[in-house]
């Protein structure tokens, strides 16, 4: 392989991301993943509540729409901020 191709395949000539760009990327990643975790938690909560109400307690189950709003937002905010705070640079 000649030198020109090695240079094109290496990443050393590419600009490195700055601290602000890395922080923004971390915050976006934590927020998106934890929002999805909140949706998964809301799904699990509704399924478990339905099974408990209908099969165990023999009661009528009502859909709790507040869980579907609060869980993803709370997960994204709380865990996103905690993850961002945990990965910040300490000088």
PDB file of N, CA and C in Angstrom:
ATOM      1  N   UNK A   1       0.845  -1.161   0.000  1.00  0.00           N
ATOM      2  CA  UNK A   1       0.000   0.000   0.000  1.00  0.00           C
ATOM      3  C   UNK A   1       0.902   1.238   0.000  1.00  0.00           C
ATOM      4  N   UNK A   2       0.632   2.157  -0.877  1.00  0.00           N
ATOM      5  CA  UNK A   2       1.496   3.334  -0.948  1.00  0.00           C
ATOM      6  C   UNK A   2       1.098   4.381   0.101  1.00  0.00           C
ATOM      7  N   UNK A   3       1.915   5.404   0.235  1.00  0.00           N
ATOM      8  CA  UNK A   3       1.737   6.414   1.275  1.00  0.00           C
ATOM      9  C   UNK A   3       0.435   7.206   1.121  1.00  0.00           C
ATOM     10  N   UNK A   4       0.009   7.478  -0.101  1.00  0.00           N
ATOM     11  CA  UNK A   4      -1.205   8.268  -0.319  1.00  0.00           C
ATOM     12  C   UNK A   4      -2.427   7.537   0.218  1.00  0.00           C
ATOM     13  N   UNK A   5      -2.506   6.234  -0.012  1.00  0.00           N
ATOM     14  CA  UNK A   5      -3.642   5.469   0.483  1.00  0.00           C
ATOM     15  C   UNK A   5      -3.615   5.336   2.002  1.00  0.00           C
ATOM     16  N   UNK A   6      -2.449   5.190   2.575  1.00  0.00           N
ATOM     17  CA  UNK A   6      -2.358   5.123   4.040  1.00  0.00           C
ATOM     18  C   UNK A   6      -2.843   6.426   4.659  1.00  0.00           C
ATOM     19  N   UNK A   7      -2.485   7.536   4.040  1.00  0.00           N
ATOM     20  CA  UNK A   7      -2.920   8.824   4.555  1.00  0.00           C
ATOM     21  C   UNK A   7      -4.436   8.963   4.461  1.00  0.00           C
ATOM     22  N   UNK A   8      -5.019   8.510   3.369  1.00  0.00           N
ATOM     23  CA  UNK A   8      -6.472   8.597   3.180  1.00  0.00           C
ATOM     24  C   UNK A   8      -7.218   7.698   4.145  1.00  0.00           C
ATOM     25  N   UNK A   9      -6.645   6.548   4.509  1.00  0.00           N
ATOM     26  CA  UNK A   9      -7.317   5.608   5.404  1.00  0.00           C
ATOM     27  C   UNK A   9      -7.130   5.946   6.873  1.00  0.00           C
ATOM     28  N   UNK A  10      -6.144   6.756   7.198  1.00  0.00           N
ATOM     29  CA  UNK A  10      -5.929   7.091   8.601  1.00  0.00           C
ATOM     30  C   UNK A  10      -6.838   8.246   9.013  1.00  0.00           C
ATOM     31  N   UNK A  11      -7.115   8.320  10.284  1.00  0.00           N
ATOM     32  CA  UNK A  11      -7.960   9.405  10.778  1.00  0.00           C
ATOM     33  C   UNK A  11      -7.138  10.522  11.397  1.00  0.00           C
ATOM     34  N   UNK A  12      -5.831  10.441  11.330  1.00  0.00           N
ATOM     35  CA  UNK A  12      -5.002  11.454  11.977  1.00  0.00           C
ATOM     36  C   UNK A  12      -5.097  12.822  11.301  1.00  0.00           C
ATOM     37  N   UNK A  13      -5.492  12.869  10.060  1.00  0.00           N
ATOM     38  CA  UNK A  13      -5.597  14.152   9.372  1.00  0.00           C
ATOM     39  C   UNK A  13      -6.974  14.787   9.513  1.00  0.00           C
ATOM     40  N   UNK A  14      -7.911  14.081  10.133  1.00  0.00           N
ATOM     41  CA  UNK A  14      -9.253  14.620  10.328  1.00  0.00           C
ATOM     42  C   UNK A  14      -9.266  15.525  11.553  1.00  0.00           C
ATOM     43  N   UNK A  15     -10.121  16.530  11.565  1.00  0.00           N
ATOM     44  CA  UNK A  15     -10.190  17.394  12.752  1.00  0.00           C
ATOM     45  C   UNK A  15     -10.761  16.634  13.942  1.00  0.00           C
ATOM     46  N   UNK A  16     -10.189  16.847  15.100  1.00  0.00           N
ATOM     47  CA  UNK A  16     -10.661  16.188  16.311  1.00  0.00           C
ATOM     48  C   UNK A  16     -11.801  16.999  16.908  1.00  0.00           C
ATOM     49  N   UNK A  17     -12.800  16.321  17.467  1.00  0.00           N
ATOM     50  CA  UNK A  17     -13.919  17.064  18.049  1.00  0.00           C
ATOM     51  C   UNK A  17     -13.472  17.842  19.276  1.00  0.00           C
ATOM     52  N   UNK A  18     -14.068  18.985  19.461  1.00  0.00           N
ATOM     53  CA  UNK A  18     -13.757  19.811  20.615  1.00  0.00           C
ATOM     54  C   UNK A  18     -14.509  19.344  21.845  1.00  0.00           C
ATOM     55  N   UNK A  19     -14.173  19.939  22.954  1.00  0.00           N
ATOM     56  CA  UNK A  19     -14.810  19.570  24.225  1.00  0.00           C
ATOM     57  C   UNK A  19     -16.309  19.840  24.191  1.00  0.00           C
ATOM     58  N   UNK A  20     -16.708  20.951  23.604  1.00  0.00           N
ATOM     59  CA  UNK A  20     -18.136  21.286  23.541  1.00  0.00           C
ATOM     60  C   UNK A  20     -18.908  20.276  22.685  1.00  0.00           C
ATOM     61  N   UNK A  21     -18.324  19.866  21.582  1.00  0.00           N
ATOM     62  CA  UNK A  21     -18.975  18.887  20.715  1.00  0.00           C
ATOM     63  C   UNK A  21     -19.106  17.541  21.419  1.00  0.00           C
ATOM     64  N   UNK A  22     -18.102  17.141  22.166  1.00  0.00           N
ATOM     65  CA  UNK A  22     -18.181  15.891  22.920  1.00  0.00           C
ATOM     66  C   UNK A  22     -19.243  15.965  24.007  1.00  0.00           C
ATOM     67  N   UNK A  23     -19.321  17.087  24.700  1.00  0.00           N
ATOM     68  CA  UNK A  23     -20.352  17.258  25.738  1.00  0.00           C
ATOM     69  C   UNK A  23     -21.744  17.186  25.134  1.00  0.00           C
ATOM     70  N   UNK A  24     -21.925  17.858  24.010  1.00  0.00           N
ATOM     71  CA  UNK A  24     -23.227  17.826  23.344  1.00  0.00           C
ATOM     72  C   UNK A  24     -23.581  16.417  22.902  1.00  0.00           C
ATOM     73  N   UNK A  25     -22.608  15.694  22.381  1.00  0.00           N
ATOM     74  CA  UNK A  25     -22.845  14.314  21.971  1.00  0.00           C
ATOM     75  C   UNK A  25     -23.187  13.411  23.142  1.00  0.00           C
ATOM     76  N   UNK A  26     -22.483  13.577  24.256  1.00  0.00           N
ATOM     77  CA  UNK A  26     -22.792  12.782  25.447  1.00  0.00           C
ATOM     78  C   UNK A  26     -24.196  13.073  25.954  1.00  0.00           C
ATOM     79  N   UNK A  27     -24.545  14.332  26.028  1.00  0.00           N
ATOM     80  CA  UNK A  27     -25.867  14.705  26.520  1.00  0.00           C
ATOM     81  C   UNK A  27     -26.972  14.170  25.608  1.00  0.00           C
ATOM     82  N   UNK A  28     -26.774  14.263  24.300  1.00  0.00           N
ATOM     83  CA  UNK A  28     -27.766  13.745  23.358  1.00  0.00           C
ATOM     84  C   UNK A  28     -27.891  12.230  23.475  1.00  0.00           C
ATOM     85  N   UNK A  29     -26.773  11.552  23.622  1.00  0.00           N
ATOM     86  CA  UNK A  29     -26.800  10.094  23.738  1.00  0.00           C
ATOM     87  C   UNK A  29     -27.505   9.648  25.021  1.00  0.00           C
ATOM     88  N   UNK A  30     -27.151  10.249  26.137  1.00  0.00           N
ATOM     89  CA  UNK A  30     -27.786   9.878  27.398  1.00  0.00           C
ATOM     90  C   UNK A  30     -29.276  10.190  27.383  1.00  0.00           C
ATOM     91  N   UNK A  31     -29.642  11.325  26.854  1.00  0.00           N
ATOM     92  CA  UNK A  31     -31.052  11.712  26.831  1.00  0.00           C
ATOM     93  C   UNK A  31     -31.867  10.778  25.944  1.00  0.00           C
ATOM     94  N   UNK A  32     -31.356  10.446  24.770  1.00  0.00           N
ATOM     95  CA  UNK A  32     -32.094   9.566  23.859  1.00  0.00           C
ATOM     96  C   UNK A  32     -32.224   8.151  24.433  1.00  0.00           C
ATOM     97  N   UNK A  33     -31.137   7.610  24.942  1.00  0.00           N
ATOM     98  CA  UNK A  33     -31.194   6.256  25.485  1.00  0.00           C
ATOM     99  C   UNK A  33     -32.090   6.173  26.715  1.00  0.00           C
ATOM    100  N   UNK A  34     -32.048   7.186  27.557  1.00  0.00           N
ATOM    101  CA  UNK A  34     -32.858   7.143  28.759  1.00  0.00           C
ATOM    102  C   UNK A  34     -34.315   7.461  28.485  1.00  0.00           C
ATOM    103  N   UNK A  35     -34.589   8.196  27.430  1.00  0.00           N
ATOM    104  CA  UNK A  35     -35.975   8.355  27.008  1.00  0.00           C
ATOM    105  C   UNK A  35     -36.552   7.031  26.529  1.00  0.00           C
ATOM    106  N   UNK A  36     -35.748   6.269  25.788  1.00  0.00           N
ATOM    107  CA  UNK A  36     -36.191   4.932  25.371  1.00  0.00           C
ATOM    108  C   UNK A  36     -36.339   4.001  26.570  1.00  0.00           C
ATOM    109  N   UNK A  37     -35.459   4.122  27.551  1.00  0.00           N
ATOM    110  CA  UNK A  37     -35.577   3.323  28.768  1.00  0.00           C
ATOM    111  C   UNK A  37     -36.861   3.665  29.515  1.00  0.00           C
ATOM    112  N   UNK A  38     -37.245   4.938  29.499  1.00  0.00           N
ATOM    113  CA  UNK A  38     -38.503   5.340  30.117  1.00  0.00           C
ATOM    114  C   UNK A  38     -39.710   4.744  29.408  1.00  0.00           C
ATOM    115  N   UNK A  39     -39.654   4.677  28.080  1.00  0.00           N
ATOM    116  CA  UNK A  39     -40.744   4.029  27.337  1.00  0.00           C
ATOM    117  C   UNK A  39     -40.823   2.539  27.657  1.00  0.00           C
ATOM    118  N   UNK A  40     -39.681   1.904  27.778  1.00  0.00           N
ATOM    119  CA  UNK A  40     -39.659   0.487  28.147  1.00  0.00           C
ATOM    120  C   UNK A  40     -40.213   0.295  29.553  1.00  0.00           C
ATOM    121  N   UNK A  41     -39.869   1.191  30.470  1.00  0.00           N
ATOM    122  CA  UNK A  41     -40.393   1.110  31.833  1.00  0.00           C
ATOM    123  C   UNK A  41     -41.905   1.308  31.858  1.00  0.00           C
ATOM    124  N   UNK A  42     -42.408   2.240  31.067  1.00  0.00           N
ATOM    125  CA  UNK A  42     -43.858   2.462  31.006  1.00  0.00           C
ATOM    126  C   UNK A  42     -44.571   1.246  30.434  1.00  0.00           C
ATOM    127  N   UNK A  43     -43.980   0.629  29.424  1.00  0.00           N
ATOM    128  CA  UNK A  43     -44.571  -0.588  28.847  1.00  0.00           C
ATOM    129  C   UNK A  43     -44.622  -1.709  29.877  1.00  0.00           C
ATOM    130  N   UNK A  44     -43.526  -1.915  30.583  1.00  0.00           N
ATOM    131  CA  UNK A  44     -43.487  -2.954  31.608  1.00  0.00           C
ATOM    132  C   UNK A  44     -44.468  -2.685  32.734  1.00  0.00           C
ATOM    133  N   UNK A  45     -44.583  -1.427  33.125  1.00  0.00           N
ATOM    134  CA  UNK A  45     -45.513  -1.065  34.192  1.00  0.00           C
ATOM    135  C   UNK A  45     -46.951  -1.343  33.786  1.00  0.00           C
ATOM    136  N   UNK A  46     -47.311  -0.960  32.582  1.00  0.00           N
ATOM    137  CA  UNK A  46     -48.688  -1.190  32.119  1.00  0.00           C
ATOM    138  C   UNK A  46     -48.992  -2.683  31.979  1.00  0.00           C
ATOM    139  N   UNK A  47     -48.052  -3.442  31.454  1.00  0.00           N
ATOM    140  CA  UNK A  47     -48.276  -4.885  31.300  1.00  0.00           C
ATOM    141  C   UNK A  47     -48.413  -5.568  32.647  1.00  0.00           C
ATOM    142  N   UNK A  48     -47.548  -5.227  33.582  1.00  0.00           N
ATOM    143  CA  UNK A  48     -47.620  -5.823  34.912  1.00  0.00           C
ATOM    144  C   UNK A  48     -48.906  -5.422  35.624  1.00  0.00           C
ATOM    145  N   UNK A  49     -49.295  -4.160  35.507  1.00  0.00           N
ATOM    146  CA  UNK A  49     -50.546  -3.713  36.126  1.00  0.00           C
ATOM    147  C   UNK A  49     -51.743  -4.438  35.529  1.00  0.00           C
ATOM    148  N   UNK A  50     -51.737  -4.629  34.231  1.00  0.00           N
ATOM    149  CA  UNK A  50     -52.852  -5.331  33.588  1.00  0.00           C
ATOM    150  C   UNK A  50     -52.958  -6.772  34.095  1.00  0.00           C
ATOM    151  N   UNK A  51     -51.819  -7.458  34.179  1.00  0.00           N
ATOM    152  CA  UNK A  51     -51.831  -8.851  34.661  1.00  0.00           C
ATOM    153  C   UNK A  51     -52.303  -8.901  36.103  1.00  0.00           C
ATOM    154  N   UNK A  52     -51.791  -8.029  36.949  1.00  0.00           N
ATOM    155  CA  UNK A  52     -52.189  -8.038  38.356  1.00  0.00           C
ATOM    156  C   UNK A  52     -53.673  -7.719  38.526  1.00  0.00           C
ATOM    157  N   UNK A  53     -54.139  -6.701  37.838  1.00  0.00           N
ATOM    158  CA  UNK A  53     -55.540  -6.322  37.971  1.00  0.00           C
ATOM    159  C   UNK A  53     -56.481  -7.390  37.429  1.00  0.00           C
ATOM    160  N   UNK A  54     -56.205  -7.886  36.220  1.00  0.00           N
ATOM    161  CA  UNK A  54     -57.166  -8.786  35.583  1.00  0.00           C
ATOM    162  C   UNK A  54     -57.039 -10.229  36.034  1.00  0.00           C
ATOM    163  N   UNK A  55     -55.844 -10.726  36.264  1.00  0.00           N
ATOM    164  CA  UNK A  55     -55.650 -12.143  36.572  1.00  0.00           C
ATOM    165  C   UNK A  55     -55.573 -12.438  38.058  1.00  0.00           C
ATOM    166  N   UNK A  56     -54.961 -11.559  38.822  1.00  0.00           N
ATOM    167  CA  UNK A  56     -54.757 -11.841  40.240  1.00  0.00           C
ATOM    168  C   UNK A  56     -55.875 -11.252  41.093  1.00  0.00           C
ATOM    169  N   UNK A  57     -56.156  -9.991  40.912  1.00  0.00           N
ATOM    170  CA  UNK A  57     -57.146  -9.313  41.744  1.00  0.00           C
ATOM    171  C   UNK A  57     -58.551  -9.346  41.162  1.00  0.00           C
ATOM    172  N   UNK A  58     -58.671  -9.739  39.914  1.00  0.00           N
ATOM    173  CA  UNK A  58     -59.970  -9.817  39.211  1.00  0.00           C
ATOM    174  C   UNK A  58     -60.697  -8.474  39.252  1.00  0.00           C
ATOM    175  N   UNK A  59     -59.955  -7.428  38.949  1.00  0.00           N
ATOM    176  CA  UNK A  59     -60.508  -6.084  38.855  1.00  0.00           C
ATOM    177  C   UNK A  59     -60.366  -5.577  37.432  1.00  0.00           C
ATOM    178  N   UNK A  60     -61.059  -4.499  37.151  1.00  0.00           N
ATOM    179  CA  UNK A  60     -60.971  -3.907  35.823  1.00  0.00           C
ATOM    180  C   UNK A  60     -59.759  -2.978  35.765  1.00  0.00           C
ATOM    181  N   UNK A  61     -58.959  -3.122  34.724  1.00  0.00           N
ATOM    182  CA  UNK A  61     -57.761  -2.305  34.572  1.00  0.00           C
ATOM    183  C   UNK A  61     -58.067  -1.085  33.737  1.00  0.00           C
ATOM    184  N   UNK A  62     -57.564   0.066  34.165  1.00  0.00           N
ATOM    185  CA  UNK A  62     -57.708   1.288  33.375  1.00  0.00           C
ATOM    186  C   UNK A  62     -56.320   1.758  32.949  1.00  0.00           C
ATOM    187  N   UNK A  63     -56.239   2.196  31.718  1.00  0.00           N
ATOM    188  CA  UNK A  63     -54.990   2.653  31.122  1.00  0.00           C
ATOM    189  C   UNK A  63     -54.517   3.925  31.823  1.00  0.00           C
ATOM    190  N   UNK A  64     -53.269   3.950  32.260  1.00  0.00           N
ATOM    191  CA  UNK A  64     -52.700   5.109  32.953  1.00  0.00           C
ATOM    192  C   UNK A  64     -51.834   5.902  31.979  1.00  0.00           C
ATOM    193  N   UNK A  65     -52.399   6.887  31.333  1.00  0.00           N
ATOM    194  CA  UNK A  65     -51.683   7.658  30.314  1.00  0.00           C
ATOM    195  C   UNK A  65     -50.579   8.517  30.914  1.00  0.00           C
ATOM    196  N   UNK A  66     -50.693   8.892  32.199  1.00  0.00           N
ATOM    197  CA  UNK A  66     -49.666   9.738  32.818  1.00  0.00           C
ATOM    198  C   UNK A  66     -48.312   9.037  32.866  1.00  0.00           C
ATOM    199  N   UNK A  67     -48.311   7.730  33.039  1.00  0.00           N
ATOM    200  CA  UNK A  67     -47.053   6.976  33.086  1.00  0.00           C
ATOM    201  C   UNK A  67     -46.319   7.087  31.756  1.00  0.00           C
ATOM    202  N   UNK A  68     -47.057   7.076  30.656  1.00  0.00           N
ATOM    203  CA  UNK A  68     -46.449   7.142  29.328  1.00  0.00           C
ATOM    204  C   UNK A  68     -45.835   8.511  29.040  1.00  0.00           C
ATOM    205  N   UNK A  69     -46.246   9.525  29.777  1.00  0.00           N
ATOM    206  CA  UNK A  69     -45.677  10.863  29.609  1.00  0.00           C
ATOM    207  C   UNK A  69     -44.553  11.097  30.617  1.00  0.00           C
ATOM    208  N   UNK A  70     -44.792  10.732  31.873  1.00  0.00           N
ATOM    209  CA  UNK A  70     -43.846  11.044  32.944  1.00  0.00           C
ATOM    210  C   UNK A  70     -42.590  10.176  32.878  1.00  0.00           C
ATOM    211  N   UNK A  71     -42.725   8.881  32.641  1.00  0.00           N
ATOM    212  CA  UNK A  71     -41.565   7.973  32.683  1.00  0.00           C
ATOM    213  C   UNK A  71     -40.487   8.326  31.646  1.00  0.00           C
ATOM    214  N   UNK A  72     -40.811   8.524  30.375  1.00  0.00           N
ATOM    215  CA  UNK A  72     -39.738   8.891  29.432  1.00  0.00           C
ATOM    216  C   UNK A  72     -39.105  10.248  29.719  1.00  0.00           C
ATOM    217  N   UNK A  73     -39.915  11.219  30.111  1.00  0.00           N
ATOM    218  CA  UNK A  73     -39.369  12.547  30.396  1.00  0.00           C
ATOM    219  C   UNK A  73     -38.488  12.512  31.641  1.00  0.00           C
ATOM    220  N   UNK A  74     -38.969  11.846  32.691  1.00  0.00           N
ATOM    221  CA  UNK A  74     -38.180  11.755  33.917  1.00  0.00           C
ATOM    222  C   UNK A  74     -36.893  10.975  33.686  1.00  0.00           C
ATOM    223  N   UNK A  75     -36.983   9.884  32.934  1.00  0.00           N
ATOM    224  CA  UNK A  75     -35.779   9.106  32.635  1.00  0.00           C
ATOM    225  C   UNK A  75     -34.776   9.907  31.832  1.00  0.00           C
ATOM    226  N   UNK A  76     -35.257  10.615  30.831  1.00  0.00           N
ATOM    227  CA  UNK A  76     -34.355  11.403  29.994  1.00  0.00           C
ATOM    228  C   UNK A  76     -33.700  12.521  30.791  1.00  0.00           C
ATOM    229  N   UNK A  77     -34.461  13.192  31.626  1.00  0.00           N
ATOM    230  CA  UNK A  77     -33.906  14.312  32.379  1.00  0.00           C
ATOM    231  C   UNK A  77     -32.993  13.856  33.512  1.00  0.00           C
ATOM    232  N   UNK A  78     -33.507  12.991  34.369  1.00  0.00           N
ATOM    233  CA  UNK A  78     -32.738  12.602  35.555  1.00  0.00           C
ATOM    234  C   UNK A  78     -31.488  11.809  35.207  1.00  0.00           C
ATOM    235  N   UNK A  79     -31.642  10.766  34.452  1.00  0.00           N
ATOM    236  CA  UNK A  79     -30.491   9.922  34.138  1.00  0.00           C
ATOM    237  C   UNK A  79     -29.603  10.595  33.099  1.00  0.00           C
ATOM    238  N   UNK A  80     -30.177  11.380  32.208  1.00  0.00           N
ATOM    239  CA  UNK A  80     -29.361  12.124  31.248  1.00  0.00           C
ATOM    240  C   UNK A  80     -28.445  13.118  31.924  1.00  0.00           C
ATOM    241  N   UNK A  81     -28.976  13.846  32.885  1.00  0.00           N
ATOM    242  CA  UNK A  81     -28.153  14.804  33.621  1.00  0.00           C
ATOM    243  C   UNK A  81     -27.114  14.072  34.477  1.00  0.00           C
ATOM    244  N   UNK A  82     -27.513  12.979  35.125  1.00  0.00           N
ATOM    245  CA  UNK A  82     -26.562  12.210  35.940  1.00  0.00           C
ATOM    246  C   UNK A  82     -25.441  11.626  35.082  1.00  0.00           C
ATOM    247  N   UNK A  83     -25.773  11.119  33.917  1.00  0.00           N
ATOM    248  CA  UNK A  83     -24.746  10.589  33.023  1.00  0.00           C
ATOM    249  C   UNK A  83     -23.830  11.676  32.494  1.00  0.00           C
ATOM    250  N   UNK A  84     -24.400  12.814  32.170  1.00  0.00           N
ATOM    251  CA  UNK A  84     -23.592  13.950  31.704  1.00  0.00           C
ATOM    252  C   UNK A  84     -22.667  14.419  32.818  1.00  0.00           C
ATOM    253  N   UNK A  85     -23.189  14.518  34.024  1.00  0.00           N
ATOM    254  CA  UNK A  85     -22.400  14.965  35.156  1.00  0.00           C
ATOM    255  C   UNK A  85     -21.284  13.969  35.472  1.00  0.00           C
ATOM    256  N   UNK A  86     -21.569  12.685  35.322  1.00  0.00           N
ATOM    257  CA  UNK A  86     -20.561  11.664  35.595  1.00  0.00           C
ATOM    258  C   UNK A  86     -19.462  11.580  34.568  1.00  0.00           C
ATOM    259  N   UNK A  87     -19.683  12.056  33.365  1.00  0.00           N
ATOM    260  CA  UNK A  87     -18.667  11.971  32.311  1.00  0.00           C
ATOM    261  C   UNK A  87     -17.951  13.288  32.046  1.00  0.00           C
ATOM    262  N   UNK A  88     -18.281  14.312  32.807  1.00  0.00           N
ATOM    263  CA  UNK A  88     -17.623  15.590  32.557  1.00  0.00           C
ATOM    264  C   UNK A  88     -16.171  15.543  33.029  1.00  0.00           C
ATOM    265  N   UNK A  89     -15.372  16.412  32.478  1.00  0.00           N
ATOM    266  CA  UNK A  89     -13.951  16.471  32.802  1.00  0.00           C
ATOM    267  C   UNK A  89     -13.759  17.249  34.086  1.00  0.00           C
ATOM    268  N   UNK A  90     -12.996  16.666  34.978  1.00  0.00           N
ATOM    269  CA  UNK A  90     -12.693  17.351  36.248  1.00  0.00           C
ATOM    270  C   UNK A  90     -11.288  17.924  36.161  1.00  0.00           C
ATOM    271  N   UNK A  91     -11.181  19.203  36.325  1.00  0.00           N
ATOM    272  CA  UNK A  91      -9.862  19.854  36.276  1.00  0.00           C
ATOM    273  C   UNK A  91      -9.425  20.266  37.655  1.00  0.00           C
TER     274      UNK A  91
END
